């Protein structure tokens, strides 16, 4: 009987299986269900309504399981192909799952990651920046987001890590540039494509107009004066808009 169930599973895995039995032995029921049967009916206790109800239930249960399987397969493919590192961490802080992006970020194989301590404190719903040192001597800065979800009837935490190393380097270069501009003795003002003043260094703010509020957010024509702007600045600024360098020297 159990061999027949297994054979049916091989031939038509999507078909629900209901076993009809002469005995109500609990061991038979458990073995049949464990081997893929959806239910077991006792022949002398069965009637038409019961059979109809059991068959409908078995069919719906099979459809539900197939939908769950498709959803899990789809989610699994999404996680596997995600460019962000995905790491599932159990209640004791050990890694239960890691996708290929996590292997690349940590510089370790899946076999080395599974079961190893994650090493970072995790709180569901919180974001953090973490430094990751790979086994190959590399270093990355990652933005980590954490959510809680069920894993085989157990609450675990899923950490999503996005490599932001390039962004952090760009931000640091921008800060260095801002410090250089801010400390320069030259008068520097940043004008956007609408010819509105957006930023200015201290030398400009202290040396040209008397107050920052008279510069930031105001049209350059209003800051420098219409005559000076139209005669000395407007043409050069408009030529610079496409990204070309323009050098002009004048006395005002």
C-alpha atoms as a PDB file:
ATOM      1  CA  UNK A   1       0.000   0.000   0.000  1.00  0.00           C
ATOM      2  CA  UNK A   2       2.780   2.439   0.909  1.00  0.00           C
ATOM      3  CA  UNK A   3       4.668   1.425  -2.239  1.00  0.00           C
ATOM      4  CA  UNK A   4       1.569   2.271  -4.285  1.00  0.00           C
ATOM      5  CA  UNK A   5       1.419   5.755  -2.731  1.00  0.00           C
ATOM      6  CA  UNK A   6       5.073   6.327  -3.542  1.00  0.00           C
ATOM      7  CA  UNK A   7       4.494   5.124  -7.102  1.00  0.00           C
ATOM      8  CA  UNK A   8       1.547   7.499  -7.509  1.00  0.00           C
ATOM      9  CA  UNK A   9       3.700  10.373  -6.250  1.00  0.00           C
ATOM     10  CA  UNK A  10       6.254   9.574  -8.950  1.00  0.00           C
ATOM     11  CA  UNK A  11       3.702   9.299 -11.745  1.00  0.00           C
ATOM     12  CA  UNK A  12       1.462  12.226 -10.798  1.00  0.00           C
ATOM     13  CA  UNK A  13       2.958  14.340  -8.053  1.00  0.00           C
ATOM     14  CA  UNK A  14       0.284  17.031  -8.455  1.00  0.00           C
ATOM     15  CA  UNK A  15      -2.637  14.601  -7.916  1.00  0.00           C
ATOM     16  CA  UNK A  16      -4.188  14.325  -4.433  1.00  0.00           C
ATOM     17  CA  UNK A  17      -4.036  10.822  -2.908  1.00  0.00           C
ATOM     18  CA  UNK A  18      -6.767   9.403  -0.643  1.00  0.00           C
ATOM     19  CA  UNK A  19      -6.299   5.896   0.807  1.00  0.00           C
ATOM     20  CA  UNK A  20      -9.262   3.562   1.428  1.00  0.00           C
ATOM     21  CA  UNK A  21      -8.606   1.099   4.235  1.00  0.00           C
ATOM     22  CA  UNK A  22     -10.368  -1.798   5.981  1.00  0.00           C
ATOM     23  CA  UNK A  23      -8.774  -0.905   9.305  1.00  0.00           C
ATOM     24  CA  UNK A  24      -8.633   2.197  11.485  1.00  0.00           C
ATOM     25  CA  UNK A  25      -5.088   1.529  12.716  1.00  0.00           C
ATOM     26  CA  UNK A  26      -3.412   4.838  13.608  1.00  0.00           C
ATOM     27  CA  UNK A  27      -0.036   3.523  12.415  1.00  0.00           C
ATOM     28  CA  UNK A  28      -1.448   3.016   8.938  1.00  0.00           C
ATOM     29  CA  UNK A  29      -2.799   6.550   8.878  1.00  0.00           C
ATOM     30  CA  UNK A  30       0.515   8.066   9.978  1.00  0.00           C
ATOM     31  CA  UNK A  31       2.584   6.021   7.533  1.00  0.00           C
ATOM     32  CA  UNK A  32       0.248   6.830   4.647  1.00  0.00           C
ATOM     33  CA  UNK A  33       0.311  10.576   5.346  1.00  0.00           C
ATOM     34  CA  UNK A  34       4.087  10.576   5.837  1.00  0.00           C
ATOM     35  CA  UNK A  35       4.482   8.913   2.431  1.00  0.00           C
ATOM     36  CA  UNK A  36       2.376  11.489   0.596  1.00  0.00           C
ATOM     37  CA  UNK A  37      -1.294  10.556   1.128  1.00  0.00           C
ATOM     38  CA  UNK A  38      -3.660  13.436   1.815  1.00  0.00           C
ATOM     39  CA  UNK A  39      -6.104  11.420   3.899  1.00  0.00           C
ATOM     40  CA  UNK A  40      -7.182   7.872   4.882  1.00  0.00           C
ATOM     41  CA  UNK A  41     -10.819   6.728   4.825  1.00  0.00           C
ATOM     42  CA  UNK A  42     -12.209   3.662   6.572  1.00  0.00           C
ATOM     43  CA  UNK A  43     -14.489   1.796   4.162  1.00  0.00           C
ATOM     44  CA  UNK A  44     -17.224   0.754   6.610  1.00  0.00           C
ATOM     45  CA  UNK A  45     -17.417   4.282   8.095  1.00  0.00           C
ATOM     46  CA  UNK A  46     -17.579   6.155   4.812  1.00  0.00           C
ATOM     47  CA  UNK A  47     -20.599   7.719   3.158  1.00  0.00           C
ATOM     48  CA  UNK A  48     -21.110   9.838   0.039  1.00  0.00           C
ATOM     49  CA  UNK A  49     -21.008  13.192   1.861  1.00  0.00           C
ATOM     50  CA  UNK A  50     -17.819  12.294   3.689  1.00  0.00           C
ATOM     51  CA  UNK A  51     -16.150  11.101   0.500  1.00  0.00           C
ATOM     52  CA  UNK A  52     -17.148  14.279  -1.334  1.00  0.00           C
ATOM     53  CA  UNK A  53     -15.882  16.477   1.511  1.00  0.00           C
ATOM     54  CA  UNK A  54     -12.565  14.620   1.873  1.00  0.00           C
ATOM     55  CA  UNK A  55     -11.886  14.679  -1.883  1.00  0.00           C
ATOM     56  CA  UNK A  56     -12.640  18.417  -2.109  1.00  0.00           C
ATOM     57  CA  UNK A  57     -10.421  19.102   0.896  1.00  0.00           C
ATOM     58  CA  UNK A  58      -7.598  17.013  -0.548  1.00  0.00           C
ATOM     59  CA  UNK A  59      -7.797  18.811  -3.892  1.00  0.00           C
ATOM     60  CA  UNK A  60      -7.784  22.276  -2.262  1.00  0.00           C
ATOM     61  CA  UNK A  61      -4.941  21.292   0.067  1.00  0.00           C
ATOM     62  CA  UNK A  62      -2.900  20.102  -2.924  1.00  0.00           C
ATOM     63  CA  UNK A  63      -3.540  23.346  -4.787  1.00  0.00           C
ATOM     64  CA  UNK A  64      -2.540  25.350  -1.733  1.00  0.00           C
ATOM     65  CA  UNK A  65       0.711  23.415  -1.315  1.00  0.00           C
ATOM     66  CA  UNK A  66       1.550  23.835  -4.996  1.00  0.00           C
ATOM     67  CA  UNK A  67       0.901  27.586  -4.772  1.00  0.00           C
ATOM     68  CA  UNK A  68       3.137  27.775  -1.702  1.00  0.00           C
ATOM     69  CA  UNK A  69       5.851  25.799  -3.484  1.00  0.00           C
ATOM     70  CA  UNK A  70       5.700  28.091  -6.526  1.00  0.00           C
ATOM     71  CA  UNK A  71       5.841  31.150  -4.279  1.00  0.00           C
ATOM     72  CA  UNK A  72       8.800  29.797  -2.325  1.00  0.00           C
ATOM     73  CA  UNK A  73      10.592  28.861  -5.551  1.00  0.00           C
ATOM     74  CA  UNK A  74       9.969  32.343  -6.965  1.00  0.00           C
ATOM     75  CA  UNK A  75      11.140  34.035  -3.764  1.00  0.00           C
ATOM     76  CA  UNK A  76      14.150  31.736  -3.639  1.00  0.00           C
ATOM     77  CA  UNK A  77      15.159  32.714  -7.173  1.00  0.00           C
ATOM     78  CA  UNK A  78      14.684  36.399  -6.354  1.00  0.00           C
ATOM     79  CA  UNK A  79      16.882  36.117  -3.253  1.00  0.00           C
ATOM     80  CA  UNK A  80      19.509  34.054  -5.078  1.00  0.00           C
ATOM     81  CA  UNK A  81      19.755  36.599  -7.892  1.00  0.00           C
ATOM     82  CA  UNK A  82      19.545  39.680  -5.651  1.00  0.00           C
ATOM     83  CA  UNK A  83      22.603  41.928  -5.975  1.00  0.00           C
ATOM     84  CA  UNK A  84      22.310  42.708  -2.250  1.00  0.00           C
ATOM     85  CA  UNK A  85      23.724  40.211   0.220  1.00  0.00           C
ATOM     86  CA  UNK A  86      20.921  38.334   2.040  1.00  0.00           C
ATOM     87  CA  UNK A  87      21.680  36.517   5.294  1.00  0.00           C
ATOM     88  CA  UNK A  88      19.167  34.661   7.505  1.00  0.00           C
ATOM     89  CA  UNK A  89      20.251  34.590  11.158  1.00  0.00           C
ATOM     90  CA  UNK A  90      18.782  32.269  13.796  1.00  0.00           C
ATOM     91  CA  UNK A  91      17.921  33.119  17.436  1.00  0.00           C
ATOM     92  CA  UNK A  92      21.428  32.179  18.584  1.00  0.00           C
ATOM     93  CA  UNK A  93      23.092  34.469  16.070  1.00  0.00           C
ATOM     94  CA  UNK A  94      24.228  31.766  13.654  1.00  0.00           C
ATOM     95  CA  UNK A  95      23.769  32.035   9.892  1.00  0.00           C
ATOM     96  CA  UNK A  96      21.058  29.747   8.513  1.00  0.00           C
ATOM     97  CA  UNK A  97      21.088  30.919   4.897  1.00  0.00           C
ATOM     98  CA  UNK A  98      23.173  33.162   2.641  1.00  0.00           C
ATOM     99  CA  UNK A  99      22.771  34.018  -1.045  1.00  0.00           C
ATOM    100  CA  UNK A 100      25.617  34.200  -3.618  1.00  0.00           C
ATOM    101  CA  UNK A 101      25.927  37.984  -3.133  1.00  0.00           C
ATOM    102  CA  UNK A 102      26.661  37.351   0.560  1.00  0.00           C
ATOM    103  CA  UNK A 103      29.390  34.859  -0.386  1.00  0.00           C
ATOM    104  CA  UNK A 104      31.023  37.529  -2.552  1.00  0.00           C
ATOM    105  CA  UNK A 105      30.670  40.278   0.065  1.00  0.00           C
ATOM    106  CA  UNK A 106      32.132  38.208   2.909  1.00  0.00           C
ATOM    107  CA  UNK A 107      34.677  36.449   0.694  1.00  0.00           C
ATOM    108  CA  UNK A 108      33.578  33.060   2.064  1.00  0.00           C
ATOM    109  CA  UNK A 109      31.804  30.052   0.593  1.00  0.00           C
ATOM    110  CA  UNK A 110      28.291  29.021   1.549  1.00  0.00           C
ATOM    111  CA  UNK A 111      29.711  26.063   3.473  1.00  0.00           C
ATOM    112  CA  UNK A 112      31.883  28.415   5.508  1.00  0.00           C
ATOM    113  CA  UNK A 113      29.019  30.822   6.231  1.00  0.00           C
ATOM    114  CA  UNK A 114      26.269  28.377   7.240  1.00  0.00           C
ATOM    115  CA  UNK A 115      26.410  27.807  10.986  1.00  0.00           C
ATOM    116  CA  UNK A 116      28.980  30.540  11.570  1.00  0.00           C
ATOM    117  CA  UNK A 117      28.146  33.462  13.898  1.00  0.00           C
ATOM    118  CA  UNK A 118      26.908  36.490  11.985  1.00  0.00           C
ATOM    119  CA  UNK A 119      28.897  38.848  14.203  1.00  0.00           C
ATOM    120  CA  UNK A 120      26.690  41.953  14.058  1.00  0.00           C
ATOM    121  CA  UNK A 121      23.907  42.900  16.507  1.00  0.00           C
ATOM    122  CA  UNK A 122      20.509  42.684  14.807  1.00  0.00           C
ATOM    123  CA  UNK A 123      17.225  44.380  15.668  1.00  0.00           C
ATOM    124  CA  UNK A 124      14.184  43.932  13.441  1.00  0.00           C
ATOM    125  CA  UNK A 125      13.104  47.144  11.722  1.00  0.00           C
ATOM    126  CA  UNK A 126      16.403  48.961  12.272  1.00  0.00           C
ATOM    127  CA  UNK A 127      18.999  50.071   9.704  1.00  0.00           C
ATOM    128  CA  UNK A 128      22.718  50.366  10.295  1.00  0.00           C
ATOM    129  CA  UNK A 129      26.042  50.828   8.515  1.00  0.00           C
ATOM    130  CA  UNK A 130      28.587  48.067   9.132  1.00  0.00           C
ATOM    131  CA  UNK A 131      32.186  47.488   8.112  1.00  0.00           C
ATOM    132  CA  UNK A 132      32.742  44.064   6.567  1.00  0.00           C
ATOM    133  CA  UNK A 133      36.211  42.560   6.368  1.00  0.00           C
ATOM    134  CA  UNK A 134      36.315  39.646   3.952  1.00  0.00           C
ATOM    135  CA  UNK A 135      38.442  36.552   4.358  1.00  0.00           C
ATOM    136  CA  UNK A 136      40.569  37.789   1.440  1.00  0.00           C
ATOM    137  CA  UNK A 137      41.637  40.998   3.208  1.00  0.00           C
ATOM    138  CA  UNK A 138      39.084  43.251   1.544  1.00  0.00           C
ATOM    139  CA  UNK A 139      36.925  45.805   3.307  1.00  0.00           C
ATOM    140  CA  UNK A 140      33.439  47.019   2.420  1.00  0.00           C
ATOM    141  CA  UNK A 141      30.949  49.382   3.984  1.00  0.00           C
ATOM    142  CA  UNK A 142      27.418  47.988   3.874  1.00  0.00           C
ATOM    143  CA  UNK A 143      24.025  49.465   4.604  1.00  0.00           C
ATOM    144  CA  UNK A 144      22.154  46.792   6.562  1.00  0.00           C
ATOM    145  CA  UNK A 145      18.367  46.463   6.862  1.00  0.00           C
ATOM    146  CA  UNK A 146      16.823  43.855   9.149  1.00  0.00           C
ATOM    147  CA  UNK A 147      13.362  42.252   9.118  1.00  0.00           C
ATOM    148  CA  UNK A 148      11.868  39.385  11.120  1.00  0.00           C
ATOM    149  CA  UNK A 149      10.064  36.460   9.498  1.00  0.00           C
ATOM    150  CA  UNK A 150       9.091  32.819  10.045  1.00  0.00           C
ATOM    151  CA  UNK A 151      11.528  30.078   9.107  1.00  0.00           C
ATOM    152  CA  UNK A 152      10.200  26.552   9.649  1.00  0.00           C
ATOM    153  CA  UNK A 153       7.941  27.735  12.496  1.00  0.00           C
ATOM    154  CA  UNK A 154      10.770  29.716  14.058  1.00  0.00           C
ATOM    155  CA  UNK A 155      11.280  33.472  14.222  1.00  0.00           C
ATOM    156  CA  UNK A 156      14.542  34.490  12.582  1.00  0.00           C
ATOM    157  CA  UNK A 157      16.046  37.723  11.275  1.00  0.00           C
ATOM    158  CA  UNK A 158      16.827  38.427   7.629  1.00  0.00           C
ATOM    159  CA  UNK A 159      19.614  40.934   7.067  1.00  0.00           C
ATOM    160  CA  UNK A 160      19.892  42.641   3.676  1.00  0.00           C
ATOM    161  CA  UNK A 161      23.291  44.231   3.092  1.00  0.00           C
ATOM    162  CA  UNK A 162      23.978  46.676   0.261  1.00  0.00           C
ATOM    163  CA  UNK A 163      27.562  47.606  -0.561  1.00  0.00           C
ATOM    164  CA  UNK A 164      27.841  51.400  -0.288  1.00  0.00           C
ATOM    165  CA  UNK A 165      31.640  51.585  -0.340  1.00  0.00           C
ATOM    166  CA  UNK A 166      31.739  53.639  -3.552  1.00  0.00           C
ATOM    167  CA  UNK A 167      29.088  56.014  -2.232  1.00  0.00           C
ATOM    168  CA  UNK A 168      30.995  56.516   1.039  1.00  0.00           C
ATOM    169  CA  UNK A 169      34.179  57.237  -0.901  1.00  0.00           C
ATOM    170  CA  UNK A 170      32.335  59.777  -3.059  1.00  0.00           C
ATOM    171  CA  UNK A 171      30.868  61.409   0.040  1.00  0.00           C
ATOM    172  CA  UNK A 172      34.322  61.643   1.611  1.00  0.00           C
ATOM    173  CA  UNK A 173      35.772  63.175  -1.564  1.00  0.00           C
ATOM    174  CA  UNK A 174      32.905  65.678  -1.584  1.00  0.00           C
ATOM    175  CA  UNK A 175      33.558  66.578   2.061  1.00  0.00           C
ATOM    176  CA  UNK A 176      37.251  67.123   1.322  1.00  0.00           C
ATOM    177  CA  UNK A 177      36.330  69.299  -1.642  1.00  0.00           C
ATOM    178  CA  UNK A 178      33.877  71.265   0.491  1.00  0.00           C
ATOM    179  CA  UNK A 179      36.546  71.821   3.158  1.00  0.00           C
ATOM    180  CA  UNK A 180      39.005  73.042   0.537  1.00  0.00           C
ATOM    181  CA  UNK A 181      36.439  75.388  -0.988  1.00  0.00           C
ATOM    182  CA  UNK A 182      35.277  76.609   2.416  1.00  0.00           C
ATOM    183  CA  UNK A 183      38.814  77.433   3.533  1.00  0.00           C
ATOM    184  CA  UNK A 184      39.895  79.067   0.237  1.00  0.00           C
ATOM    185  CA  UNK A 185      40.662  82.767   0.263  1.00  0.00           C
ATOM    186  CA  UNK A 186      39.173  83.032  -3.246  1.00  0.00           C
ATOM    187  CA  UNK A 187      35.563  84.171  -3.506  1.00  0.00           C
ATOM    188  CA  UNK A 188      33.537  81.118  -4.649  1.00  0.00           C
ATOM    189  CA  UNK A 189      29.824  80.912  -5.318  1.00  0.00           C
ATOM    190  CA  UNK A 190      27.849  77.953  -6.705  1.00  0.00           C
ATOM    191  CA  UNK A 191      25.183  78.887  -9.278  1.00  0.00           C
ATOM    192  CA  UNK A 192      22.621  76.372 -10.584  1.00  0.00           C
ATOM    193  CA  UNK A 193      21.154  76.048 -14.091  1.00  0.00           C
ATOM    194  CA  UNK A 194      18.476  78.598 -13.238  1.00  0.00           C
ATOM    195  CA  UNK A 195      21.261  81.070 -12.426  1.00  0.00           C
ATOM    196  CA  UNK A 196      20.320  81.034  -8.740  1.00  0.00           C
ATOM    197  CA  UNK A 197      23.044  81.111  -6.066  1.00  0.00           C
ATOM    198  CA  UNK A 198      22.961  77.865  -4.069  1.00  0.00           C
ATOM    199  CA  UNK A 199      26.176  77.886  -2.039  1.00  0.00           C
ATOM    200  CA  UNK A 200      29.054  80.245  -1.318  1.00  0.00           C
ATOM    201  CA  UNK A 201      32.242  79.962   0.713  1.00  0.00           C
ATOM    202  CA  UNK A 202      33.109  82.143   3.692  1.00  0.00           C
ATOM    203  CA  UNK A 203      35.441  84.323   1.647  1.00  0.00           C
ATOM    204  CA  UNK A 204      32.571  85.247  -0.674  1.00  0.00           C
ATOM    205  CA  UNK A 205      30.038  85.722   2.110  1.00  0.00           C
ATOM    206  CA  UNK A 206      32.408  87.868   4.143  1.00  0.00           C
ATOM    207  CA  UNK A 207      33.951  89.725   1.257  1.00  0.00           C
ATOM    208  CA  UNK A 208      31.155  90.497  -1.172  1.00  0.00           C
ATOM    209  CA  UNK A 209      27.720  90.825   0.419  1.00  0.00           C
ATOM    210  CA  UNK A 210      27.352  91.473   4.141  1.00  0.00           C
ATOM    211  CA  UNK A 211      24.955  88.585   4.894  1.00  0.00           C
ATOM    212  CA  UNK A 212      24.553  84.965   3.758  1.00  0.00           C
ATOM    213  CA  UNK A 213      20.797  85.462   3.448  1.00  0.00           C
ATOM    214  CA  UNK A 214      21.476  87.990   0.730  1.00  0.00           C
ATOM    215  CA  UNK A 215      23.108  85.264  -1.403  1.00  0.00           C
ATOM    216  CA  UNK A 216      21.716  81.754  -0.891  1.00  0.00           C
ATOM    217  CA  UNK A 217      18.563  81.131  -2.921  1.00  0.00           C
ATOM    218  CA  UNK A 218      18.682  84.468  -4.711  1.00  0.00           C
ATOM    219  CA  UNK A 219      19.191  84.975  -8.466  1.00  0.00           C
ATOM    220  CA  UNK A 220      22.781  85.784  -9.331  1.00  0.00           C
ATOM    221  CA  UNK A 221      21.553  88.924 -11.089  1.00  0.00           C
ATOM    222  CA  UNK A 222      20.104  90.177  -7.811  1.00  0.00           C
ATOM    223  CA  UNK A 223      23.258  89.302  -5.843  1.00  0.00           C
ATOM    224  CA  UNK A 224      25.719  90.983  -8.229  1.00  0.00           C
ATOM    225  CA  UNK A 225      23.379  93.616  -9.595  1.00  0.00           C
ATOM    226  CA  UNK A 226      21.664  93.535 -12.990  1.00  0.00           C
ATOM    227  CA  UNK A 227      24.269  95.670 -14.779  1.00  0.00           C
ATOM    228  CA  UNK A 228      27.299  93.739 -13.507  1.00  0.00           C
ATOM    229  CA  UNK A 229      25.595  90.387 -14.069  1.00  0.00           C
ATOM    230  CA  UNK A 230      24.511  91.139 -17.651  1.00  0.00           C
ATOM    231  CA  UNK A 231      27.814  92.747 -18.644  1.00  0.00           C
ATOM    232  CA  UNK A 232      30.333  90.391 -17.019  1.00  0.00           C
ATOM    233  CA  UNK A 233      28.744  87.141 -15.852  1.00  0.00           C
ATOM    234  CA  UNK A 234      25.653  86.046 -17.746  1.00  0.00           C
ATOM    235  CA  UNK A 235      27.340  85.037 -21.014  1.00  0.00           C
ATOM    236  CA  UNK A 236      30.060  83.034 -19.252  1.00  0.00           C
ATOM    237  CA  UNK A 237      27.587  81.214 -17.000  1.00  0.00           C
ATOM    238  CA  UNK A 238      25.347  80.282 -19.930  1.00  0.00           C
ATOM    239  CA  UNK A 239      28.350  78.936 -21.840  1.00  0.00           C
ATOM    240  CA  UNK A 240      29.222  76.766 -18.829  1.00  0.00           C
ATOM    241  CA  UNK A 241      25.774  75.176 -18.562  1.00  0.00           C
ATOM    242  CA  UNK A 242      26.502  72.354 -21.103  1.00  0.00           C
ATOM    243  CA  UNK A 243      29.516  71.388 -18.983  1.00  0.00           C
ATOM    244  CA  UNK A 244      32.226  73.288 -20.835  1.00  0.00           C
ATOM    245  CA  UNK A 245      34.977  75.129 -18.970  1.00  0.00           C
ATOM    246  CA  UNK A 246      34.854  78.878 -19.285  1.00  0.00           C
ATOM    247  CA  UNK A 247      37.408  81.351 -17.959  1.00  0.00           C
ATOM    248  CA  UNK A 248      36.706  85.043 -17.704  1.00  0.00           C
ATOM    249  CA  UNK A 249      38.406  87.792 -15.748  1.00  0.00           C
ATOM    250  CA  UNK A 250      36.933  91.180 -14.993  1.00  0.00           C
ATOM    251  CA  UNK A 251      37.080  93.984 -12.453  1.00  0.00           C
ATOM    252  CA  UNK A 252      33.874  94.963 -10.632  1.00  0.00           C
END
